[in-house]
């Protein structure tokens, strides 16, 4: 009886391991895609210095708009 119970338990563990392995393989492609998307996003980000310069430029543009439009 002990050997049979052990074999059943081992079969159940094998099934669980196979399901876990399949789930991990399925997620691996999603993780790889997310990592690639993150690298692309970081590469396209502007630096803090560029962001500050853009904000200053926008502030100046907003200030001179009434002068440009004659208002």
PDB file of N, CA and C in Angstrom:
ATOM      1  N   UNK A   1       0.816  -1.188   0.000  1.00  0.00           N
ATOM      2  CA  UNK A   1       0.000   0.000   0.000  1.00  0.00           C
ATOM      3  C   UNK A   1       0.862   1.255   0.000  1.00  0.00           C
ATOM      4  N   UNK A   2       1.973   1.251   0.713  1.00  0.00           N
ATOM      5  CA  UNK A   2       2.841   2.415   0.789  1.00  0.00           C
ATOM      6  C   UNK A   2       3.423   2.788  -0.551  1.00  0.00           C
ATOM      7  N   UNK A   3       3.852   1.786  -1.318  1.00  0.00           N
ATOM      8  CA  UNK A   3       4.440   2.057  -2.628  1.00  0.00           C
ATOM      9  C   UNK A   3       3.401   2.628  -3.581  1.00  0.00           C
ATOM     10  N   UNK A   4       2.203   2.110  -3.522  1.00  0.00           N
ATOM     11  CA  UNK A   4       1.135   2.595  -4.399  1.00  0.00           C
ATOM     12  C   UNK A   4       0.777   4.037  -4.052  1.00  0.00           C
ATOM     13  N   UNK A   5       0.689   4.333  -2.761  1.00  0.00           N
ATOM     14  CA  UNK A   5       0.378   5.699  -2.335  1.00  0.00           C
ATOM     15  C   UNK A   5       1.489   6.655  -2.745  1.00  0.00           C
ATOM     16  N   UNK A   6       2.710   6.187  -2.642  1.00  0.00           N
ATOM     17  CA  UNK A   6       3.849   7.006  -3.044  1.00  0.00           C
ATOM     18  C   UNK A   6       3.813   7.287  -4.541  1.00  0.00           C
ATOM     19  N   UNK A   7       3.464   6.276  -5.320  1.00  0.00           N
ATOM     20  CA  UNK A   7       3.385   6.443  -6.773  1.00  0.00           C
ATOM     21  C   UNK A   7       2.283   7.431  -7.141  1.00  0.00           C
ATOM     22  N   UNK A   8       1.156   7.362  -6.450  1.00  0.00           N
ATOM     23  CA  UNK A   8       0.055   8.293  -6.717  1.00  0.00           C
ATOM     24  C   UNK A   8       0.476   9.717  -6.364  1.00  0.00           C
ATOM     25  N   UNK A   9       1.123   9.868  -5.218  1.00  0.00           N
ATOM     26  CA  UNK A   9       1.584  11.189  -4.799  1.00  0.00           C
ATOM     27  C   UNK A   9       2.598  11.746  -5.788  1.00  0.00           C
ATOM     28  N   UNK A  10       3.494  10.875  -6.259  1.00  0.00           N
ATOM     29  CA  UNK A  10       4.506  11.311  -7.227  1.00  0.00           C
ATOM     30  C   UNK A  10       3.855  11.731  -8.539  1.00  0.00           C
ATOM     31  N   UNK A  11       2.852  10.990  -8.976  1.00  0.00           N
ATOM     32  CA  UNK A  11       2.145  11.335 -10.214  1.00  0.00           C
ATOM     33  C   UNK A  11       1.449  12.688 -10.068  1.00  0.00           C
ATOM     34  N   UNK A  12       0.868  12.939  -8.903  1.00  0.00           N
ATOM     35  CA  UNK A  12       0.209  14.227  -8.669  1.00  0.00           C
ATOM     36  C   UNK A  12       1.220  15.366  -8.697  1.00  0.00           C
ATOM     37  N   UNK A  13       2.374  15.144  -8.077  1.00  0.00           N
ATOM     38  CA  UNK A  13       3.423  16.173  -8.094  1.00  0.00           C
ATOM     39  C   UNK A  13       3.935  16.415  -9.507  1.00  0.00           C
ATOM     40  N   UNK A  14       4.104  15.330 -10.264  1.00  0.00           N
ATOM     41  CA  UNK A  14       4.557  15.476 -11.650  1.00  0.00           C
ATOM     42  C   UNK A  14       3.566  16.314 -12.457  1.00  0.00           C
ATOM     43  N   UNK A  15       2.284  16.064 -12.249  1.00  0.00           N
ATOM     44  CA  UNK A  15       1.257  16.829 -12.956  1.00  0.00           C
ATOM     45  C   UNK A  15       1.318  18.303 -12.569  1.00  0.00           C
ATOM     46  N   UNK A  16       1.467  18.562 -11.278  1.00  0.00           N
ATOM     47  CA  UNK A  16       1.565  19.952 -10.821  1.00  0.00           C
ATOM     48  C   UNK A  16       2.792  20.638 -11.402  1.00  0.00           C
ATOM     49  N   UNK A  17       3.902  19.921 -11.453  1.00  0.00           N
ATOM     50  CA  UNK A  17       5.126  20.505 -12.011  1.00  0.00           C
ATOM     51  C   UNK A  17       4.970  20.791 -13.500  1.00  0.00           C
ATOM     52  N   UNK A  18       4.318  19.891 -14.218  1.00  0.00           N
ATOM     53  CA  UNK A  18       4.097  20.114 -15.648  1.00  0.00           C
ATOM     54  C   UNK A  18       3.205  21.334 -15.876  1.00  0.00           C
ATOM     55  N   UNK A  19       2.168  21.477 -15.057  1.00  0.00           N
ATOM     56  CA  UNK A  19       1.289  22.649 -15.185  1.00  0.00           C
ATOM     57  C   UNK A  19       2.034  23.939 -14.861  1.00  0.00           C
ATOM     58  N   UNK A  20       2.859  23.893 -13.833  1.00  0.00           N
ATOM     59  CA  UNK A  20       3.646  25.066 -13.462  1.00  0.00           C
ATOM     60  C   UNK A  20       4.623  25.434 -14.571  1.00  0.00           C
ATOM     61  N   UNK A  21       5.289  24.430 -15.129  1.00  0.00           N
ATOM     62  CA  UNK A  21       6.241  24.686 -16.213  1.00  0.00           C
ATOM     63  C   UNK A  21       5.533  25.297 -17.419  1.00  0.00           C
ATOM     64  N   UNK A  22       4.353  24.790 -17.750  1.00  0.00           N
ATOM     65  CA  UNK A  22       3.594  25.333 -18.881  1.00  0.00           C
ATOM     66  C   UNK A  22       3.195  26.784 -18.618  1.00  0.00           C
ATOM     67  N   UNK A  23       2.773  27.069 -17.395  1.00  0.00           N
ATOM     68  CA  UNK A  23       2.388  28.443 -17.053  1.00  0.00           C
ATOM     69  C   UNK A  23       3.585  29.379 -17.140  1.00  0.00           C
ATOM     70  N   UNK A  24       4.735  28.921 -16.671  1.00  0.00           N
ATOM     71  CA  UNK A  24       5.939  29.756 -16.726  1.00  0.00           C
ATOM     72  C   UNK A  24       6.373  30.011 -18.159  1.00  0.00           C
ATOM     73  N   UNK A  25       6.293  28.989 -18.999  1.00  0.00           N
ATOM     74  CA  UNK A  25       6.655  29.175 -20.405  1.00  0.00           C
ATOM     75  C   UNK A  25       5.711  30.170 -21.082  1.00  0.00           C
ATOM     76  N   UNK A  26       4.444  30.116 -20.717  1.00  0.00           N
ATOM     77  CA  UNK A  26       3.478  31.053 -21.292  1.00  0.00           C
ATOM     78  C   UNK A  26       3.784  32.483 -20.864  1.00  0.00           C
ATOM     79  N   UNK A  27       4.180  32.663 -19.623  1.00  0.00           N
ATOM     80  CA  UNK A  27       4.458  34.005 -19.104  1.00  0.00           C
ATOM     81  C   UNK A  27       5.799  34.547 -19.594  1.00  0.00           C
ATOM     82  N   UNK A  28       6.719  33.682 -19.944  1.00  0.00           N
ATOM     83  CA  UNK A  28       8.053  34.131 -20.350  1.00  0.00           C
ATOM     84  C   UNK A  28       7.984  35.081 -21.539  1.00  0.00           C
ATOM     85  N   UNK A  29       7.141  34.780 -22.509  1.00  0.00           N
ATOM     86  CA  UNK A  29       7.044  35.660 -23.679  1.00  0.00           C
ATOM     87  C   UNK A  29       6.466  37.022 -23.297  1.00  0.00           C
ATOM     88  N   UNK A  30       5.519  37.020 -22.358  1.00  0.00           N
ATOM     89  CA  UNK A  30       4.947  38.293 -21.905  1.00  0.00           C
ATOM     90  C   UNK A  30       5.995  39.124 -21.162  1.00  0.00           C
ATOM     91  N   UNK A  31       6.785  38.466 -20.346  1.00  0.00           N
ATOM     92  CA  UNK A  31       7.826  39.176 -19.593  1.00  0.00           C
ATOM     93  C   UNK A  31       8.866  39.741 -20.554  1.00  0.00           C
ATOM     94  N   UNK A  32       9.256  38.954 -21.549  1.00  0.00           N
ATOM     95  CA  UNK A  32      10.233  39.427 -22.531  1.00  0.00           C
ATOM     96  C   UNK A  32       9.682  40.620 -23.311  1.00  0.00           C
ATOM     97  N   UNK A  33       8.411  40.559 -23.684  1.00  0.00           N
ATOM     98  CA  UNK A  33       7.798  41.678 -24.405  1.00  0.00           C
ATOM     99  C   UNK A  33       7.741  42.928 -23.534  1.00  0.00           C
ATOM    100  N   UNK A  34       7.416  42.751 -22.270  1.00  0.00           N
ATOM    101  CA  UNK A  34       7.363  43.899 -21.355  1.00  0.00           C
ATOM    102  C   UNK A  34       8.743  44.518 -21.169  1.00  0.00           C
ATOM    103  N   UNK A  35       9.758  43.676 -21.070  1.00  0.00           N
ATOM    104  CA  UNK A  35      11.121  44.194 -20.920  1.00  0.00           C
ATOM    105  C   UNK A  35      11.528  44.983 -22.161  1.00  0.00           C
ATOM    106  N   UNK A  36      11.189  44.478 -23.328  1.00  0.00           N
ATOM    107  CA  UNK A  36      11.494  45.193 -24.563  1.00  0.00           C
ATOM    108  C   UNK A  36      10.754  46.514 -24.655  1.00  0.00           C
ATOM    109  N   UNK A  37       9.491  46.522 -24.247  1.00  0.00           N
ATOM    110  CA  UNK A  37       8.710  47.762 -24.263  1.00  0.00           C
ATOM    111  C   UNK A  37       9.291  48.782 -23.288  1.00  0.00           C
ATOM    112  N   UNK A  38       9.742  48.304 -22.143  1.00  0.00           N
ATOM    113  CA  UNK A  38      10.341  49.212 -21.154  1.00  0.00           C
ATOM    114  C   UNK A  38      11.606  49.852 -21.723  1.00  0.00           C
ATOM    115  N   UNK A  39      12.447  49.051 -22.366  1.00  0.00           N
ATOM    116  CA  UNK A  39      13.683  49.591 -22.947  1.00  0.00           C
ATOM    117  C   UNK A  39      13.370  50.616 -24.028  1.00  0.00           C
ATOM    118  N   UNK A  40      12.361  50.350 -24.838  1.00  0.00           N
ATOM    119  CA  UNK A  40      11.975  51.306 -25.881  1.00  0.00           C
ATOM    120  C   UNK A  40      11.458  52.601 -25.271  1.00  0.00           C
ATOM    121  N   UNK A  41      10.658  52.473 -24.222  1.00  0.00           N
ATOM    122  CA  UNK A  41      10.103  53.667 -23.575  1.00  0.00           C
ATOM    123  C   UNK A  41      11.201  54.510 -22.950  1.00  0.00           C
ATOM    124  N   UNK A  42      12.133  53.871 -22.279  1.00  0.00           N
ATOM    125  CA  UNK A  42      13.226  54.607 -21.638  1.00  0.00           C
ATOM    126  C   UNK A  42      14.076  55.308 -22.690  1.00  0.00           C
ATOM    127  N   UNK A  43      14.313  54.635 -23.807  1.00  0.00           N
ATOM    128  CA  UNK A  43      15.143  55.218 -24.860  1.00  0.00           C
ATOM    129  C   UNK A  43      14.500  56.465 -25.462  1.00  0.00           C
ATOM    130  N   UNK A  44      13.171  56.525 -25.464  1.00  0.00           N
ATOM    131  CA  UNK A  44      12.501  57.669 -26.083  1.00  0.00           C
ATOM    132  C   UNK A  44      12.198  58.796 -25.100  1.00  0.00           C
ATOM    133  N   UNK A  45      12.514  58.610 -23.834  1.00  0.00           N
ATOM    134  CA  UNK A  45      12.240  59.655 -22.839  1.00  0.00           C
ATOM    135  C   UNK A  45      13.205  60.821 -22.999  1.00  0.00           C
ATOM    136  N   UNK A  46      12.707  62.019 -22.692  1.00  0.00           N
ATOM    137  CA  UNK A  46      13.583  63.186 -22.696  1.00  0.00           C
ATOM    138  C   UNK A  46      14.274  63.284 -21.344  1.00  0.00           C
ATOM    139  N   UNK A  47      15.403  63.953 -21.341  1.00  0.00           N
ATOM    140  CA  UNK A  47      16.136  64.119 -20.085  1.00  0.00           C
ATOM    141  C   UNK A  47      15.460  65.192 -19.238  1.00  0.00           C
ATOM    142  N   UNK A  48      15.825  65.258 -17.982  1.00  0.00           N
ATOM    143  CA  UNK A  48      15.273  66.284 -17.089  1.00  0.00           C
ATOM    144  C   UNK A  48      15.630  67.671 -17.599  1.00  0.00           C
ATOM    145  N   UNK A  49      16.839  67.835 -18.118  1.00  0.00           N
ATOM    146  CA  UNK A  49      17.259  69.133 -18.637  1.00  0.00           C
ATOM    147  C   UNK A  49      16.400  69.546 -19.837  1.00  0.00           C
ATOM    148  N   UNK A  50      16.112  68.595 -20.719  1.00  0.00           N
ATOM    149  CA  UNK A  50      15.262  68.904 -21.867  1.00  0.00           C
ATOM    150  C   UNK A  50      13.845  69.264 -21.423  1.00  0.00           C
ATOM    151  N   UNK A  51      13.335  68.566 -20.426  1.00  0.00           N
ATOM    152  CA  UNK A  51      11.989  68.850 -19.926  1.00  0.00           C
ATOM    153  C   UNK A  51      11.916  70.251 -19.330  1.00  0.00           C
ATOM    154  N   UNK A  52      12.924  70.633 -18.555  1.00  0.00           N
ATOM    155  CA  UNK A  52      12.952  71.971 -17.955  1.00  0.00           C
ATOM    156  C   UNK A  52      13.029  73.029 -19.053  1.00  0.00           C
ATOM    157  N   UNK A  53      13.877  72.791 -20.049  1.00  0.00           N
ATOM    158  CA  UNK A  53      13.996  73.748 -21.153  1.00  0.00           C
ATOM    159  C   UNK A  53      12.673  73.876 -21.902  1.00  0.00           C
ATOM    160  N   UNK A  54      11.987  72.767 -22.110  1.00  0.00           N
ATOM    161  CA  UNK A  54      10.687  72.817 -22.787  1.00  0.00           C
ATOM    162  C   UNK A  54       9.670  73.597 -21.972  1.00  0.00           C
ATOM    163  N   UNK A  55       9.678  73.406 -20.650  1.00  0.00           N
ATOM    164  CA  UNK A  55       8.739  74.134 -19.788  1.00  0.00           C
ATOM    165  C   UNK A  55       9.014  75.636 -19.817  1.00  0.00           C
ATOM    166  N   UNK A  56      10.289  75.992 -19.800  1.00  0.00           N
ATOM    167  CA  UNK A  56      10.643  77.420 -19.859  1.00  0.00           C
ATOM    168  C   UNK A  56      10.217  78.024 -21.187  1.00  0.00           C
ATOM    169  N   UNK A  57      10.469  77.295 -22.262  1.00  0.00           N
ATOM    170  CA  UNK A  57      10.091  77.771 -23.589  1.00  0.00           C
ATOM    171  C   UNK A  57       8.579  77.952 -23.681  1.00  0.00           C
ATOM    172  N   UNK A  58       7.832  76.999 -23.144  1.00  0.00           N
ATOM    173  CA  UNK A  58       6.366  77.105 -23.154  1.00  0.00           C
ATOM    174  C   UNK A  58       5.895  78.296 -22.325  1.00  0.00           C
ATOM    175  N   UNK A  59       6.526  78.528 -21.180  1.00  0.00           N
ATOM    176  CA  UNK A  59       6.144  79.664 -20.329  1.00  0.00           C
ATOM    177  C   UNK A  59       6.379  80.983 -21.057  1.00  0.00           C
ATOM    178  N   UNK A  60       7.510  81.099 -21.738  1.00  0.00           N
ATOM    179  CA  UNK A  60       7.800  82.316 -22.505  1.00  0.00           C
ATOM    180  C   UNK A  60       6.783  82.474 -23.625  1.00  0.00           C
ATOM    181  N   UNK A  61       6.483  81.383 -24.315  1.00  0.00           N
ATOM    182  CA  UNK A  61       5.510  81.441 -25.406  1.00  0.00           C
ATOM    183  C   UNK A  61       4.149  81.896 -24.894  1.00  0.00           C
ATOM    184  N   UNK A  62       3.741  81.404 -23.735  1.00  0.00           N
ATOM    185  CA  UNK A  62       2.454  81.810 -23.160  1.00  0.00           C
ATOM    186  C   UNK A  62       2.459  83.290 -22.778  1.00  0.00           C
ATOM    187  N   UNK A  63       3.591  83.780 -22.302  1.00  0.00           N
ATOM    188  CA  UNK A  63       3.685  85.192 -21.905  1.00  0.00           C
ATOM    189  C   UNK A  63       3.624  86.127 -23.106  1.00  0.00           C
ATOM    190  N   UNK A  64       4.246  85.738 -24.212  1.00  0.00           N
ATOM    191  CA  UNK A  64       4.278  86.648 -25.362  1.00  0.00           C
ATOM    192  C   UNK A  64       3.085  86.469 -26.294  1.00  0.00           C
ATOM    193  N   UNK A  65       2.256  85.470 -26.071  1.00  0.00           N
ATOM    194  CA  UNK A  65       1.083  85.279 -26.929  1.00  0.00           C
ATOM    195  C   UNK A  65       0.227  86.534 -27.050  1.00  0.00           C
ATOM    196  N   UNK A  66      -0.115  87.217 -25.958  1.00  0.00           N
ATOM    197  CA  UNK A  66      -0.935  88.433 -26.112  1.00  0.00           C
ATOM    198  C   UNK A  66      -0.249  89.488 -26.978  1.00  0.00           C
ATOM    199  N   UNK A  67       1.075  89.596 -26.885  1.00  0.00           N
ATOM    200  CA  UNK A  67       1.793  90.576 -27.707  1.00  0.00           C
ATOM    201  C   UNK A  67       1.745  90.189 -29.178  1.00  0.00           C
ATOM    202  N   UNK A  68       1.900  88.901 -29.441  1.00  0.00           N
ATOM    203  CA  UNK A  68       1.898  88.424 -30.824  1.00  0.00           C
ATOM    204  C   UNK A  68       0.517  88.592 -31.449  1.00  0.00           C
ATOM    205  N   UNK A  69      -0.512  88.302 -30.688  1.00  0.00           N
ATOM    206  CA  UNK A  69      -1.876  88.369 -31.202  1.00  0.00           C
ATOM    207  C   UNK A  69      -2.498  89.755 -31.050  1.00  0.00           C
ATOM    208  N   UNK A  70      -1.785  90.679 -30.443  1.00  0.00           N
ATOM    209  CA  UNK A  70      -2.284  92.041 -30.314  1.00  0.00           C
ATOM    210  C   UNK A  70      -3.413  92.191 -29.319  1.00  0.00           C
ATOM    211  N   UNK A  71      -3.391  91.431 -28.282  1.00  0.00           N
ATOM    212  CA  UNK A  71      -4.471  91.520 -27.280  1.00  0.00           C
ATOM    213  C   UNK A  71      -3.980  92.135 -26.018  1.00  0.00           C
TER     214      UNK A  71
END
